Amino acid sequence: MTTSVHQLDDGAWISVNDRRVMPVSDLWQLRDHEFCECEVADVLAEGFVEVGTDRLNVEARIAGQCIVCGSDGVTGWLQMGTVDPETGQFRPVVPESVHRPHPVTR
């Protein structure tokens, strides 16, 4: 089954299979990241910059600001959720969990 993934409304939403599934404005805690100097960055998401898939995973890079140190920038690739290959159903991650972004180079 093919999965369609897009950004909508100037990066305010991620759409999977023509359904809005992930809004911007969540707070994402990042470990092992290159976003800023904080050990754990608390990044307030301001927009999705890039979206894509890695097998069954939906991933995105987020533009935002660390509310701890004030740095702004763009994250590495973060998993947004997975897609069930049989039903096409999207299962989101919990943004409030701690995430480890993948490097930008793929």
C-alpha atoms as a PDB file:
ATOM      1  CA  MET A   1       0.000   0.000   0.000  1.00  0.00           C
ATOM      2  CA  THR A   2       1.341   3.434  -0.947  1.00  0.00           C
ATOM      3  CA  THR A   3       1.414   6.117   1.754  1.00  0.00           C
ATOM      4  CA  SER A   4       0.869   9.757   0.799  1.00  0.00           C
ATOM      5  CA  VAL A   5       2.620  12.238   3.135  1.00  0.00           C
ATOM      6  CA  HIS A   6       2.427  16.045   2.790  1.00  0.00           C
ATOM      7  CA  GLN A   7       2.773  19.282   4.755  1.00  0.00           C
ATOM      8  CA  LEU A   8      -0.298  21.492   4.735  1.00  0.00           C
ATOM      9  CA  ASP A   9      -1.073  25.123   5.567  1.00  0.00           C
ATOM     10  CA  ASP A  10       2.494  26.431   5.236  1.00  0.00           C
ATOM     11  CA  GLY A  11       3.898  23.682   7.473  1.00  0.00           C
ATOM     12  CA  ALA A  12       1.209  23.806  10.177  1.00  0.00           C
ATOM     13  CA  TRP A  13       0.025  20.212   9.641  1.00  0.00           C
ATOM     14  CA  ILE A  14       1.244  16.843   8.430  1.00  0.00           C
ATOM     15  CA  SER A  15      -1.195  14.964   6.226  1.00  0.00           C
ATOM     16  CA  VAL A  16      -1.003  11.177   5.841  1.00  0.00           C
ATOM     17  CA  ASN A  17      -3.205   9.601   3.191  1.00  0.00           C
ATOM     18  CA  ASP A  18      -5.129  12.873   2.819  1.00  0.00           C
ATOM     19  CA  ARG A  19      -5.942  13.187   6.548  1.00  0.00           C
ATOM     20  CA  ARG A  20      -4.541  15.829   8.894  1.00  0.00           C
ATOM     21  CA  VAL A  21      -2.764  13.800  11.554  1.00  0.00           C
ATOM     22  CA  MET A  22      -0.138  15.950  13.292  1.00  0.00           C
ATOM     23  CA  PRO A  23      -0.429  19.661  14.105  1.00  0.00           C
ATOM     24  CA  VAL A  24       2.434  22.022  14.801  1.00  0.00           C
ATOM     25  CA  SER A  25       2.847  23.816  18.183  1.00  0.00           C
ATOM     26  CA  ASP A  26       3.651  20.801  20.357  1.00  0.00           C
ATOM     27  CA  LEU A  27       6.636  20.856  22.692  1.00  0.00           C
ATOM     28  CA  TRP A  28       9.240  18.246  21.703  1.00  0.00           C
ATOM     29  CA  GLN A  29      11.959  17.123  24.140  1.00  0.00           C
ATOM     30  CA  LEU A  30      15.124  16.159  22.285  1.00  0.00           C
ATOM     31  CA  ARG A  31      18.159  14.187  23.499  1.00  0.00           C
ATOM     32  CA  ASP A  32      21.315  13.440  21.527  1.00  0.00           C
ATOM     33  CA  HIS A  33      20.528  16.328  19.216  1.00  0.00           C
ATOM     34  CA  GLU A  34      22.326  19.124  17.388  1.00  0.00           C
ATOM     35  CA  PHE A  35      19.581  21.726  17.835  1.00  0.00           C
ATOM     36  CA  CYS A  36      21.229  23.723  20.655  1.00  0.00           C
ATOM     37  CA  GLU A  37      23.660  23.352  23.573  1.00  0.00           C
ATOM     38  CA  CYS A  38      21.035  22.051  26.056  1.00  0.00           C
ATOM     39  CA  GLU A  39      21.382  18.436  27.173  1.00  0.00           C
ATOM     40  CA  VAL A  40      17.638  18.080  26.704  1.00  0.00           C
ATOM     41  CA  ALA A  41      16.184  20.652  24.329  1.00  0.00           C
ATOM     42  CA  ASP A  42      12.544  21.650  24.850  1.00  0.00           C
ATOM     43  CA  VAL A  43      11.675  22.684  21.306  1.00  0.00           C
ATOM     44  CA  LEU A  44       8.415  24.496  20.681  1.00  0.00           C
ATOM     45  CA  ALA A  45       7.429  23.436  17.162  1.00  0.00           C
ATOM     46  CA  GLU A  46       6.651  26.395  14.900  1.00  0.00           C
ATOM     47  CA  GLY A  47       6.421  24.609  11.545  1.00  0.00           C
ATOM     48  CA  PHE A  48       7.148  21.418   9.674  1.00  0.00           C
ATOM     49  CA  VAL A  49      10.008  22.085   7.243  1.00  0.00           C
ATOM     50  CA  GLU A  50      10.259  18.673   5.551  1.00  0.00           C
ATOM     51  CA  VAL A  51       8.219  15.490   5.748  1.00  0.00           C
ATOM     52  CA  GLY A  52       8.975  12.044   4.428  1.00  0.00           C
ATOM     53  CA  THR A  53       8.835   8.334   5.059  1.00  0.00           C
ATOM     54  CA  ASP A  54      11.381   5.771   6.121  1.00  0.00           C
ATOM     55  CA  ARG A  55       9.721   2.418   5.499  1.00  0.00           C
ATOM     56  CA  LEU A  56       6.568   2.508   7.661  1.00  0.00           C
ATOM     57  CA  ASN A  57       7.674   5.540   9.680  1.00  0.00           C
ATOM     58  CA  VAL A  58       6.462   9.067   8.937  1.00  0.00           C
ATOM     59  CA  GLU A  59       9.250  11.531   9.762  1.00  0.00           C
ATOM     60  CA  ALA A  60       9.616  15.296   9.750  1.00  0.00           C
ATOM     61  CA  ARG A  61      12.058  18.091  10.433  1.00  0.00           C
ATOM     62  CA  ILE A  62      10.641  20.823  12.648  1.00  0.00           C
ATOM     63  CA  ALA A  63      11.501  24.521  12.791  1.00  0.00           C
ATOM     64  CA  GLY A  64      11.202  25.852  16.312  1.00  0.00           C
ATOM     65  CA  GLN A  65      12.733  27.418  19.378  1.00  0.00           C
ATOM     66  CA  CYS A  66      14.217  25.858  22.518  1.00  0.00           C
ATOM     67  CA  ILE A  67      12.281  27.335  25.425  1.00  0.00           C
ATOM     68  CA  VAL A  68      15.211  26.614  27.780  1.00  0.00           C
ATOM     69  CA  CYS A  69      17.988  28.577  26.040  1.00  0.00           C
ATOM     70  CA  GLY A  70      16.132  30.533  23.347  1.00  0.00           C
ATOM     71  CA  SER A  71      18.010  29.022  20.382  1.00  0.00           C
ATOM     72  CA  ASP A  72      16.020  28.608  17.203  1.00  0.00           C
ATOM     73  CA  GLY A  73      16.616  26.359  14.242  1.00  0.00           C
ATOM     74  CA  VAL A  74      15.518  23.167  12.524  1.00  0.00           C
ATOM     75  CA  THR A  75      15.659  19.690  14.046  1.00  0.00           C
ATOM     76  CA  GLY A  76      17.038  16.541  12.513  1.00  0.00           C
ATOM     77  CA  TRP A  77      14.534  13.929  11.349  1.00  0.00           C
ATOM     78  CA  LEU A  78      11.983  13.038  14.046  1.00  0.00           C
ATOM     79  CA  GLN A  79       9.574  10.133  13.894  1.00  0.00           C
ATOM     80  CA  MET A  80       5.994  11.429  13.835  1.00  0.00           C
ATOM     81  CA  GLY A  81       4.368   8.007  13.820  1.00  0.00           C
ATOM     82  CA  THR A  82       3.918   4.815  11.842  1.00  0.00           C
ATOM     83  CA  VAL A  83       1.489   3.676   9.172  1.00  0.00           C
ATOM     84  CA  ASP A  84      -0.141   0.260   9.318  1.00  0.00           C
ATOM     85  CA  PRO A  85       0.743  -1.316   5.941  1.00  0.00           C
ATOM     86  CA  GLU A  86      -2.552  -3.195   5.708  1.00  0.00           C
ATOM     87  CA  THR A  87      -5.042  -0.491   6.692  1.00  0.00           C
ATOM     88  CA  GLY A  88      -3.134   2.741   6.037  1.00  0.00           C
ATOM     89  CA  GLN A  89      -4.015   3.835   9.606  1.00  0.00           C
ATOM     90  CA  PHE A  90      -1.576   6.376  11.095  1.00  0.00           C
ATOM     91  CA  ARG A  91      -0.378   5.850  14.691  1.00  0.00           C
ATOM     92  CA  PRO A  92       1.268   9.019  16.055  1.00  0.00           C
ATOM     93  CA  VAL A  93       4.129   9.166  18.546  1.00  0.00           C
ATOM     94  CA  VAL A  94       3.603  11.023  21.814  1.00  0.00           C
ATOM     95  CA  PRO A  95       5.213  14.451  21.300  1.00  0.00           C
ATOM     96  CA  GLU A  96       5.681  14.901  25.079  1.00  0.00           C
ATOM     97  CA  SER A  97       8.045  11.879  25.208  1.00  0.00           C
ATOM     98  CA  VAL A  98      11.795  12.265  24.806  1.00  0.00           C
ATOM     99  CA  HIS A  99      12.896  11.905  21.158  1.00  0.00           C
ATOM    100  CA  ARG A 100      16.257  11.348  19.471  1.00  0.00           C
ATOM    101  CA  PRO A 101      16.435  12.957  16.034  1.00  0.00           C
ATOM    102  CA  HIS A 102      18.246  11.314  13.139  1.00  0.00           C
ATOM    103  CA  PRO A 103      20.930  13.365  11.371  1.00  0.00           C
ATOM    104  CA  VAL A 104      19.814  15.469   8.420  1.00  0.00           C
ATOM    105  CA  THR A 105      22.031  13.655   5.906  1.00  0.00           C
ATOM    106  CA  ARG A 106      20.224  10.623   4.509  1.00  0.00           C
END
